[in-house]
Protein backbone atom coordinates (compact mmCIF):
# COMPACT_ATOMS: atom_id res chain seq x y z
CA MET A 1 207.96 58.21 12.17
CA SER A 2 206.57 57.80 15.52
CA GLU A 3 203.19 59.34 16.30
CA THR A 4 203.97 62.22 19.09
CA PRO A 5 202.48 61.29 22.63
CA PHE A 6 198.89 63.10 23.56
CA TYR A 7 200.73 65.19 26.16
CA GLU A 8 203.60 66.38 24.40
CA THR A 9 200.98 68.22 22.02
CA ASP A 10 199.92 71.69 21.14
CA LYS A 11 196.41 70.64 21.57
CA ALA A 12 196.88 68.72 25.19
CA VAL A 13 198.73 72.20 26.01
CA ALA A 14 196.03 74.27 25.45
CA GLU A 15 193.35 72.24 26.91
CA TYR A 16 195.17 71.75 30.15
CA LEU A 17 195.88 75.23 30.52
CA LEU A 18 192.40 75.93 30.06
CA PHE A 19 191.53 73.19 32.30
CA HIS A 20 193.49 74.46 35.00
CA TYR A 21 193.25 78.42 34.43
CA GLY A 22 190.36 79.18 32.38
CA SER A 23 187.77 81.07 33.93
CA SER A 24 184.24 78.99 34.77
CA ASP A 25 182.75 81.16 31.29
CA GLU A 26 185.81 80.76 29.52
CA ILE A 27 185.41 76.86 29.81
CA MET A 28 181.76 76.42 30.45
CA PRO A 29 179.26 79.27 29.35
CA TYR A 30 175.99 77.45 28.75
CA THR A 31 173.21 77.62 30.92
CA GLY A 32 172.66 73.85 32.23
CA GLY A 33 176.09 72.98 32.07
CA PRO A 34 177.69 71.27 34.79
CA VAL A 35 179.61 74.23 36.63
CA SER A 36 180.47 71.69 39.69
CA ALA A 37 183.00 70.10 37.57
CA LEU A 38 184.95 72.91 37.22
CA HIS A 39 188.20 74.22 38.92
CA TYR A 40 189.31 70.66 39.22
CA PRO A 41 193.17 71.28 40.11
CA VAL A 42 191.54 73.69 42.92
CA ARG A 43 189.56 71.82 44.57
CA CYS A 44 192.10 68.62 44.68
CA VAL A 45 193.75 70.72 46.95
CA VAL A 46 191.37 73.06 48.95
CA GLU A 47 188.47 69.98 49.10
CA CYS A 48 191.09 67.34 49.96
CA PHE A 49 194.19 68.80 52.63
CA ASP A 50 193.72 69.33 55.92
CA SER A 51 195.58 72.58 55.90
CA GLY A 52 195.22 72.95 59.74
CA ILE A 53 197.15 69.89 60.45
CA LEU A 54 200.33 70.86 58.29
CA PRO A 55 203.53 71.52 60.15
CA SER A 56 205.05 75.19 59.75
CA GLY A 57 206.70 75.39 56.12
CA ALA A 58 205.48 72.12 55.31
CA ARG A 59 207.19 70.41 52.05
CA ALA A 60 204.56 69.50 49.24
CA LEU A 61 204.80 67.00 46.21
CA ASP A 62 202.73 67.59 43.39
CA LEU A 63 203.01 64.50 41.20
CA GLY A 64 201.48 64.55 37.71
CA CYS A 65 201.29 68.49 38.24
CA ALA A 66 200.04 68.66 34.54
CA VAL A 67 200.60 72.59 34.00
CA GLY A 68 200.95 73.51 37.69
CA ARG A 69 197.35 74.85 38.95
CA SER A 70 197.44 72.36 41.91
CA SER A 71 200.90 73.20 42.80
CA PHE A 72 200.25 77.04 42.67
CA GLU A 73 197.81 76.05 45.18
CA LEU A 74 199.27 73.69 47.26
CA ALA A 75 201.71 76.84 47.54
CA ARG A 76 199.34 78.62 49.52
CA ILE A 77 199.20 76.22 52.48
CA CYS A 78 202.59 75.07 52.27
CA GLY A 79 206.41 76.22 52.41
CA SER A 80 207.49 74.46 49.16
CA VAL A 81 206.25 72.94 46.48
CA VAL A 82 207.95 70.35 43.71
CA GLY A 83 205.77 69.34 40.55
CA ILE A 84 206.93 66.95 38.60
CA ASP A 85 205.24 65.46 35.43
CA TYR A 86 206.40 63.14 32.60
CA SER A 87 205.24 65.50 29.76
CA HIS A 88 208.18 68.28 28.46
CA ARG A 89 205.69 70.41 27.34
CA PHE A 90 203.32 70.54 30.46
CA ILE A 91 206.46 71.32 32.24
CA GLU A 92 208.01 73.74 29.59
CA ALA A 93 204.32 75.77 30.45
CA ALA A 94 204.56 75.65 34.04
CA ASN A 95 207.93 76.91 33.87
CA ARG A 96 207.02 79.94 32.16
CA LEU A 97 204.31 80.44 33.92
CA LYS A 98 205.98 81.00 37.00
CA GLU A 99 208.98 82.81 35.22
CA LYS A 100 206.26 85.17 33.47
CA GLY A 101 202.93 84.95 35.78
CA THR A 102 201.18 84.65 32.41
CA LEU A 103 200.84 82.53 29.39
CA SER A 104 198.99 82.71 26.30
CA TYR A 105 197.54 79.77 24.47
CA LEU A 106 194.48 79.44 21.81
CA ARG A 107 191.44 77.61 22.75
CA THR A 108 189.93 75.70 20.15
CA ASP A 109 186.00 76.92 19.33
CA GLU A 110 185.60 75.12 16.40
CA GLY A 111 187.25 73.43 13.31
CA ASP A 112 190.17 75.93 12.60
CA LEU A 113 188.78 78.95 14.80
CA SER A 114 189.85 79.60 18.30
CA THR A 115 190.38 82.04 20.69
CA ARG A 116 193.45 83.86 22.58
CA LEU A 117 193.30 83.64 26.26
CA GLU A 118 195.75 84.58 29.04
CA ALA A 119 196.55 81.55 31.84
CA THR A 120 197.40 83.63 34.59
CA ILE A 121 198.79 82.57 37.94
CA PRO A 122 196.13 83.97 40.75
CA GLU A 123 196.55 86.56 43.26
CA GLY A 124 198.10 85.92 46.33
CA ILE A 125 199.92 82.88 45.29
CA ASP A 126 204.26 83.14 45.82
CA GLY A 127 205.00 81.32 42.72
CA SER A 128 208.80 81.22 44.28
CA LEU A 129 207.71 78.70 46.81
CA VAL A 130 206.80 76.44 43.53
CA SER A 131 209.70 74.79 41.41
CA PHE A 132 208.45 72.11 38.64
CA LEU A 133 210.49 69.38 37.13
CA GLN A 134 210.49 66.93 34.33
CA GLY A 135 210.28 63.29 35.85
CA ASP A 136 209.15 59.90 35.75
CA ALA A 137 206.33 59.30 38.86
CA MET A 138 208.21 55.81 39.23
CA GLN A 139 211.86 56.75 38.97
CA LEU A 140 211.68 59.88 41.16
CA PRO A 141 215.37 61.34 41.94
CA LYS A 142 217.09 59.27 44.77
CA ASP A 143 217.83 62.78 46.70
CA ILE A 144 213.99 64.22 46.52
CA GLY A 145 213.35 64.03 50.36
CA SER A 146 210.23 63.83 52.07
CA PHE A 147 206.96 65.41 52.61
CA ASP A 148 204.06 66.23 54.48
CA ALA A 149 201.89 66.74 51.55
CA LEU A 150 201.60 64.30 48.48
CA LEU A 151 198.97 65.01 45.71
CA ALA A 152 198.80 62.36 42.57
CA ALA A 153 196.03 63.80 40.90
CA ASN A 154 194.62 61.95 37.59
CA LEU A 155 198.10 60.09 37.96
CA ILE A 156 197.61 56.31 38.52
CA ASP A 157 195.94 54.95 35.62
CA ARG A 158 198.29 56.61 33.48
CA LEU A 159 201.03 54.95 34.80
CA GLU A 160 202.62 51.85 33.16
CA ASP A 161 203.41 49.87 36.69
CA PRO A 162 201.23 52.02 39.18
CA SER A 163 202.17 49.52 42.06
CA LEU A 164 205.47 50.69 41.62
CA PHE A 165 204.32 54.30 42.37
CA LEU A 166 202.64 53.17 45.15
CA LYS A 167 205.53 50.93 46.45
CA ALA A 168 207.54 54.14 46.97
CA LEU A 169 205.19 55.99 49.02
CA PRO A 170 206.09 54.87 52.32
CA GLU A 171 209.72 56.51 51.71
CA LEU A 172 208.32 59.90 50.67
CA MET A 173 206.04 60.64 53.13
CA ASN A 174 206.60 62.15 56.46
CA PRO A 175 204.56 60.45 59.59
CA GLY A 176 201.77 62.36 59.70
CA GLY A 177 202.03 63.64 56.11
CA GLN A 178 198.91 63.71 53.58
CA LEU A 179 198.29 61.61 50.85
CA VAL A 180 195.84 62.48 48.42
CA ILE A 181 195.09 60.29 45.51
CA THR A 182 192.42 61.12 42.76
CA SER A 183 191.72 59.11 39.32
CA PRO A 184 188.49 58.26 37.09
CA TYR A 185 190.13 54.48 37.17
CA THR A 186 190.26 55.28 33.23
CA TRP A 187 192.04 52.00 32.91
CA LEU A 188 193.47 51.84 28.97
CA GLU A 189 196.17 48.97 28.15
CA GLU A 190 197.77 52.12 25.74
CA TYR A 191 199.03 53.34 29.26
CA THR A 192 198.90 50.71 31.41
CA PRO A 193 199.55 47.35 30.53
CA LYS A 194 196.11 45.25 31.91
CA SER A 195 198.33 42.94 34.37
CA ASN A 196 199.42 46.09 36.19
CA TRP A 197 195.93 47.55 36.68
CA LEU A 198 194.95 48.15 40.28
CA GLY A 199 191.37 47.40 39.66
CA GLY A 200 188.80 47.13 36.98
CA PHE A 201 188.88 43.18 36.86
CA GLU A 202 187.97 39.75 38.33
CA LYS A 203 189.84 38.25 40.67
CA ASP A 204 189.20 35.16 42.44
CA GLY A 205 185.60 35.03 41.04
CA SER A 206 184.95 38.56 42.70
CA PRO A 207 185.13 42.17 41.04
CA LEU A 208 188.29 43.84 42.07
CA ARG A 209 187.62 47.49 42.22
CA THR A 210 190.64 50.03 42.33
CA VAL A 211 190.02 51.71 45.43
CA GLU A 212 190.09 48.13 46.92
CA GLY A 213 193.28 47.75 44.93
CA LEU A 214 194.40 51.04 46.74
CA GLU A 215 193.95 50.19 50.52
CA ARG A 216 195.47 46.47 49.89
CA ALA A 217 198.68 48.17 49.10
CA LEU A 218 198.54 51.21 51.24
CA SER A 219 197.44 50.07 54.00
CA PRO A 220 200.09 48.63 56.08
CA HIS A 221 201.53 52.37 55.95
CA PHE A 222 198.83 54.61 55.40
CA VAL A 223 195.58 55.21 56.91
CA LYS A 224 192.35 55.92 54.54
CA VAL A 225 190.60 58.72 56.15
CA ARG A 226 187.98 59.89 53.71
CA GLU A 227 186.80 59.32 50.37
CA ILE A 228 185.22 61.78 48.44
CA ASP A 229 183.88 62.61 44.52
CA LEU A 230 185.66 64.77 42.40
CA PRO A 231 183.93 65.82 39.41
CA PHE A 232 186.23 67.53 36.57
CA LEU A 233 185.38 69.04 32.93
CA ILE A 234 187.35 69.16 30.12
CA ARG A 235 186.62 71.31 27.25
CA GLU A 236 187.66 70.10 23.74
CA HIS A 237 185.88 72.36 21.56
CA ALA A 238 182.64 74.72 21.83
CA ARG A 239 180.44 72.08 21.55
CA LYS A 240 182.38 68.73 22.97
CA PHE A 241 183.23 68.32 26.60
CA GLN A 242 184.73 65.84 28.67
CA TRP A 243 182.44 64.84 31.84
CA SER A 244 184.30 62.97 34.83
CA VAL A 245 183.89 62.44 37.68
CA ALA A 246 187.25 61.35 39.63
CA GLN A 247 187.12 59.47 43.03
CA GLY A 248 189.72 60.72 45.85
CA THR A 249 190.98 58.90 48.59
CA ILE A 250 193.11 60.73 51.77
CA TRP A 251 195.24 59.02 53.50
CA ILE A 252 197.58 59.74 56.59
CA ARG A 253 201.15 58.63 56.76
CA LYS A 254 201.18 56.12 59.74
């Protein structure tokens, strides 16, 4: 029997509901903890997109949306949002949140001990503007249309062929549209064959970093306008956390 992929497990769903919707105290109650790394799905929208240059009724696409917080946040500044994730369980959770407004889950505390918490769509967000679909970022529906804002948060280093994804982006974006790609560049062969890595290896005797791979792939159709460091924190249990720093690159479609 094959092992269940991590992103289809109860553990992953609970961890990501906490990551996306947990309060600061629910995630990090310790004095001196890295609180600047909290609320990453919100910061990916607030700190990366310029709402002032979005057209009225802008369409947004959130690829690798997980359990949906960034999609809901995009609904504050866009007229419609499509959130897509490869995980059936994540999309199921996001749709239940959209329908009910809240979703109960168990936060792991220690061993078999847990605390029941509620994920809630924040006030001021119109969930009806958001649609969630299960799908593959490398094989999107042909009739999905084009967008004025596109977020790919912590996605590229979990794709089998990220270059294939990048090649599709120009057709997905309207001229002047904002593209935000964030990633800690954690390349693992269990997700991405080494031959498909965008960076993190030597090429012609020199180190090739992922941001350089992104620039080579995107520069014919996009202008990079900004880079930003985005720390994030995923709680595994009461005394174990994953602290990472994603790099965000912000691009404008030519």
